[in-house]
Amino acid sequence: MTMKRLTTVFLFTAAMLIVPSHTTAQTVDPYTDGWVTHVTGSRLEICFSHAEPPAVGQIVQLLRTSYVMPNKGPTRQTFTPNGHARIASIATLPCVIATLLDGDAQRSDHARPPYPSSTQLR
């Protein structure tokens, strides 16, 4: 390879590592995020195994997990926003019952804790 091509490849690779994908949410935090364990229509059961569950009336963001293999490199896990749910009641701790507000939910989706001091979806 020529020096110009090696430089171009190096710069492109560095840019791919530095610039995050625009379609992904923040990385998952297993100590604050919950997981959807059951879905029945618009009723969800979300469990928070390491964190305090959100209060009744608060909104959580639902994140769908997907896997991306950029340029045949190592596979990385990404989290795409997929909807919102309002906490309706406390089930058996550490789980809560939530009502789906928008989007759709699947079992094993992540649930991001509520927005700061927010009980309304804007």
C-alpha atoms as a PDB file:
ATOM      1  CA  MET A   1       0.000   0.000   0.000  1.00  0.00           C
ATOM      2  CA  THR A   2       1.058   3.526  -0.602  1.00  0.00           C
ATOM      3  CA  MET A   3       1.693   5.943   2.240  1.00  0.00           C
ATOM      4  CA  LYS A   4      -1.277   8.101   1.179  1.00  0.00           C
ATOM      5  CA  ARG A   5      -3.650   5.140   1.326  1.00  0.00           C
ATOM      6  CA  LEU A   6      -2.314   4.013   4.716  1.00  0.00           C
ATOM      7  CA  THR A   7      -2.841   7.520   6.080  1.00  0.00           C
ATOM      8  CA  THR A   8      -6.407   7.602   4.719  1.00  0.00           C
ATOM      9  CA  VAL A   9      -7.221   4.203   6.242  1.00  0.00           C
ATOM     10  CA  PHE A  10      -5.725   5.251   9.585  1.00  0.00           C
ATOM     11  CA  LEU A  11      -7.696   8.509   9.700  1.00  0.00           C
ATOM     12  CA  PHE A  12     -10.937   6.748   8.731  1.00  0.00           C
ATOM     13  CA  THR A  13     -10.435   4.095  11.410  1.00  0.00           C
ATOM     14  CA  ALA A  14      -9.661   6.735  14.046  1.00  0.00           C
ATOM     15  CA  ALA A  15     -12.804   8.682  13.096  1.00  0.00           C
ATOM     16  CA  MET A  16     -14.962   5.537  13.380  1.00  0.00           C
ATOM     17  CA  LEU A  17     -13.672   4.898  16.883  1.00  0.00           C
ATOM     18  CA  ILE A  18     -14.107   8.493  18.047  1.00  0.00           C
ATOM     19  CA  VAL A  19     -17.475   9.417  16.512  1.00  0.00           C
ATOM     20  CA  PRO A  20     -20.366   7.432  18.059  1.00  0.00           C
ATOM     21  CA  SER A  21     -23.257   6.244  15.948  1.00  0.00           C
ATOM     22  CA  HIS A  22     -26.055   8.843  15.771  1.00  0.00           C
ATOM     23  CA  THR A  23     -28.807   6.234  16.095  1.00  0.00           C
ATOM     24  CA  THR A  24     -27.761   4.861  19.450  1.00  0.00           C
ATOM     25  CA  ALA A  25     -28.749   5.986  22.897  1.00  0.00           C
ATOM     26  CA  GLN A  26     -26.297   6.205  25.740  1.00  0.00           C
ATOM     27  CA  THR A  27     -24.633   2.983  26.711  1.00  0.00           C
ATOM     28  CA  VAL A  28     -26.530   0.747  29.071  1.00  0.00           C
ATOM     29  CA  ASP A  29     -25.862   1.032  32.775  1.00  0.00           C
ATOM     30  CA  PRO A  30     -26.715  -2.236  34.530  1.00  0.00           C
ATOM     31  CA  TYR A  31     -26.768  -0.447  37.887  1.00  0.00           C
ATOM     32  CA  THR A  32     -29.539   1.994  36.938  1.00  0.00           C
ATOM     33  CA  ASP A  33     -31.396   0.474  33.970  1.00  0.00           C
ATOM     34  CA  GLY A  34     -34.280  -1.933  34.353  1.00  0.00           C
ATOM     35  CA  TRP A  35     -35.452  -4.721  32.046  1.00  0.00           C
ATOM     36  CA  VAL A  36     -38.888  -5.459  30.667  1.00  0.00           C
ATOM     37  CA  THR A  37     -39.761  -8.922  31.955  1.00  0.00           C
ATOM     38  CA  HIS A  38     -43.392  -9.279  30.793  1.00  0.00           C
ATOM     39  CA  VAL A  39     -45.483  -7.570  28.106  1.00  0.00           C
ATOM     40  CA  THR A  40     -49.274  -7.887  27.948  1.00  0.00           C
ATOM     41  CA  GLY A  41     -50.731  -5.401  25.474  1.00  0.00           C
ATOM     42  CA  SER A  42     -49.805  -1.989  26.849  1.00  0.00           C
ATOM     43  CA  ARG A  43     -49.062  -3.335  30.347  1.00  0.00           C
ATOM     44  CA  LEU A  44     -45.393  -3.922  31.158  1.00  0.00           C
ATOM     45  CA  GLU A  45     -43.575  -5.401  34.107  1.00  0.00           C
ATOM     46  CA  ILE A  46     -40.144  -3.816  34.529  1.00  0.00           C
ATOM     47  CA  CYS A  47     -37.594  -5.040  37.064  1.00  0.00           C
ATOM     48  CA  PHE A  48     -34.694  -3.000  38.461  1.00  0.00           C
ATOM     49  CA  SER A  49     -32.311  -5.525  39.980  1.00  0.00           C
ATOM     50  CA  HIS A  50     -29.540  -3.119  41.077  1.00  0.00           C
ATOM     51  CA  ALA A  51     -31.328   0.212  41.431  1.00  0.00           C
ATOM     52  CA  GLU A  52     -34.264   1.721  43.255  1.00  0.00           C
ATOM     53  CA  PRO A  53     -37.341   1.477  41.008  1.00  0.00           C
ATOM     54  CA  PRO A  54     -38.848   4.762  39.769  1.00  0.00           C
ATOM     55  CA  ALA A  55     -41.761   6.297  41.651  1.00  0.00           C
ATOM     56  CA  VAL A  56     -45.356   5.881  40.512  1.00  0.00           C
ATOM     57  CA  GLY A  57     -46.192   8.414  37.787  1.00  0.00           C
ATOM     58  CA  GLN A  58     -42.660   8.777  36.462  1.00  0.00           C
ATOM     59  CA  ILE A  59     -41.735   8.023  32.846  1.00  0.00           C
ATOM     60  CA  VAL A  60     -39.051   5.601  31.705  1.00  0.00           C
ATOM     61  CA  GLN A  61     -37.526   5.404  28.250  1.00  0.00           C
ATOM     62  CA  LEU A  62     -37.533   2.002  26.551  1.00  0.00           C
ATOM     63  CA  LEU A  63     -34.384   1.006  24.677  1.00  0.00           C
ATOM     64  CA  ARG A  64     -34.127  -1.820  22.137  1.00  0.00           C
ATOM     65  CA  THR A  65     -30.881  -3.755  21.939  1.00  0.00           C
ATOM     66  CA  SER A  66     -29.287  -4.435  18.571  1.00  0.00           C
ATOM     67  CA  TYR A  67     -25.884  -5.572  17.416  1.00  0.00           C
ATOM     68  CA  VAL A  68     -23.815  -3.792  14.775  1.00  0.00           C
ATOM     69  CA  MET A  69     -20.726  -5.017  12.981  1.00  0.00           C
ATOM     70  CA  PRO A  70     -19.065  -1.887  11.533  1.00  0.00           C
ATOM     71  CA  ASN A  71     -16.878  -2.653   8.502  1.00  0.00           C
ATOM     72  CA  LYS A  72     -16.640  -6.326   9.461  1.00  0.00           C
ATOM     73  CA  GLY A  73     -14.960  -5.306  12.714  1.00  0.00           C
ATOM     74  CA  PRO A  74     -15.870  -6.493  16.187  1.00  0.00           C
ATOM     75  CA  THR A  75     -19.578  -6.640  16.941  1.00  0.00           C
ATOM     76  CA  ARG A  76     -20.838  -3.966  19.319  1.00  0.00           C
ATOM     77  CA  GLN A  77     -24.099  -3.673  21.192  1.00  0.00           C
ATOM     78  CA  THR A  78     -26.215  -0.554  20.603  1.00  0.00           C
ATOM     79  CA  PHE A  79     -29.357   0.757  22.282  1.00  0.00           C
ATOM     80  CA  THR A  80     -32.013   2.529  20.213  1.00  0.00           C
ATOM     81  CA  PRO A  81     -34.870   4.496  21.834  1.00  0.00           C
ATOM     82  CA  ASN A  82     -38.080   2.575  21.234  1.00  0.00           C
ATOM     83  CA  GLY A  83     -40.782   4.231  23.322  1.00  0.00           C
ATOM     84  CA  HIS A  84     -41.843   5.471  26.747  1.00  0.00           C
ATOM     85  CA  ALA A  85     -43.821   4.012  29.626  1.00  0.00           C
ATOM     86  CA  ARG A  86     -45.372   5.538  32.750  1.00  0.00           C
ATOM     87  CA  ILE A  87     -44.937   3.720  36.062  1.00  0.00           C
ATOM     88  CA  ALA A  88     -48.447   2.759  37.218  1.00  0.00           C
ATOM     89  CA  SER A  89     -47.799   0.819  40.422  1.00  0.00           C
ATOM     90  CA  ILE A  90     -45.226  -1.065  42.428  1.00  0.00           C
ATOM     91  CA  ALA A  91     -45.388  -4.817  41.913  1.00  0.00           C
ATOM     92  CA  THR A  92     -43.239  -7.109  44.020  1.00  0.00           C
ATOM     93  CA  LEU A  93     -39.981  -5.242  44.614  1.00  0.00           C
ATOM     94  CA  PRO A  94     -37.749  -4.730  42.657  1.00  0.00           C
ATOM     95  CA  CYS A  95     -40.401  -4.769  39.899  1.00  0.00           C
ATOM     96  CA  VAL A  96     -42.954  -2.170  38.818  1.00  0.00           C
ATOM     97  CA  ILE A  97     -46.004  -2.191  36.561  1.00  0.00           C
ATOM     98  CA  ALA A  98     -45.934   0.369  33.752  1.00  0.00           C
ATOM     99  CA  THR A  99     -48.300   1.483  30.985  1.00  0.00           C
ATOM    100  CA  LEU A 100     -46.884   1.889  27.494  1.00  0.00           C
ATOM    101  CA  LEU A 101     -47.310   5.491  26.295  1.00  0.00           C
ATOM    102  CA  ASP A 102     -45.767   5.255  22.821  1.00  0.00           C
ATOM    103  CA  GLY A 103     -43.632   2.940  20.737  1.00  0.00           C
ATOM    104  CA  ASP A 104     -43.650  -0.769  21.356  1.00  0.00           C
ATOM    105  CA  ALA A 105     -42.070  -3.009  23.936  1.00  0.00           C
ATOM    106  CA  GLN A 106     -40.596  -6.472  23.871  1.00  0.00           C
ATOM    107  CA  ARG A 107     -39.406  -8.707  26.631  1.00  0.00           C
ATOM    108  CA  SER A 108     -35.755  -7.892  27.488  1.00  0.00           C
ATOM    109  CA  ASP A 109     -35.911  -4.241  26.342  1.00  0.00           C
ATOM    110  CA  HIS A 110     -34.000  -1.934  28.666  1.00  0.00           C
ATOM    111  CA  ALA A 111     -35.856   0.709  30.679  1.00  0.00           C
ATOM    112  CA  ARG A 112     -33.929   3.916  31.328  1.00  0.00           C
ATOM    113  CA  PRO A 113     -34.834   5.615  34.643  1.00  0.00           C
ATOM    114  CA  PRO A 114     -37.027   8.699  34.548  1.00  0.00           C
ATOM    115  CA  TYR A 115     -36.022  12.043  33.190  1.00  0.00           C
ATOM    116  CA  PRO A 116     -34.999  14.458  35.969  1.00  0.00           C
ATOM    117  CA  SER A 117     -38.071  15.754  37.813  1.00  0.00           C
ATOM    118  CA  SER A 118     -40.332  14.753  34.930  1.00  0.00           C
ATOM    119  CA  THR A 119     -43.698  13.102  35.127  1.00  0.00           C
ATOM    120  CA  GLN A 120     -44.887  14.226  31.696  1.00  0.00           C
ATOM    121  CA  LEU A 121     -43.782  13.273  28.237  1.00  0.00           C
ATOM    122  CA  ARG A 122     -42.970  16.392  26.270  1.00  0.00           C
END
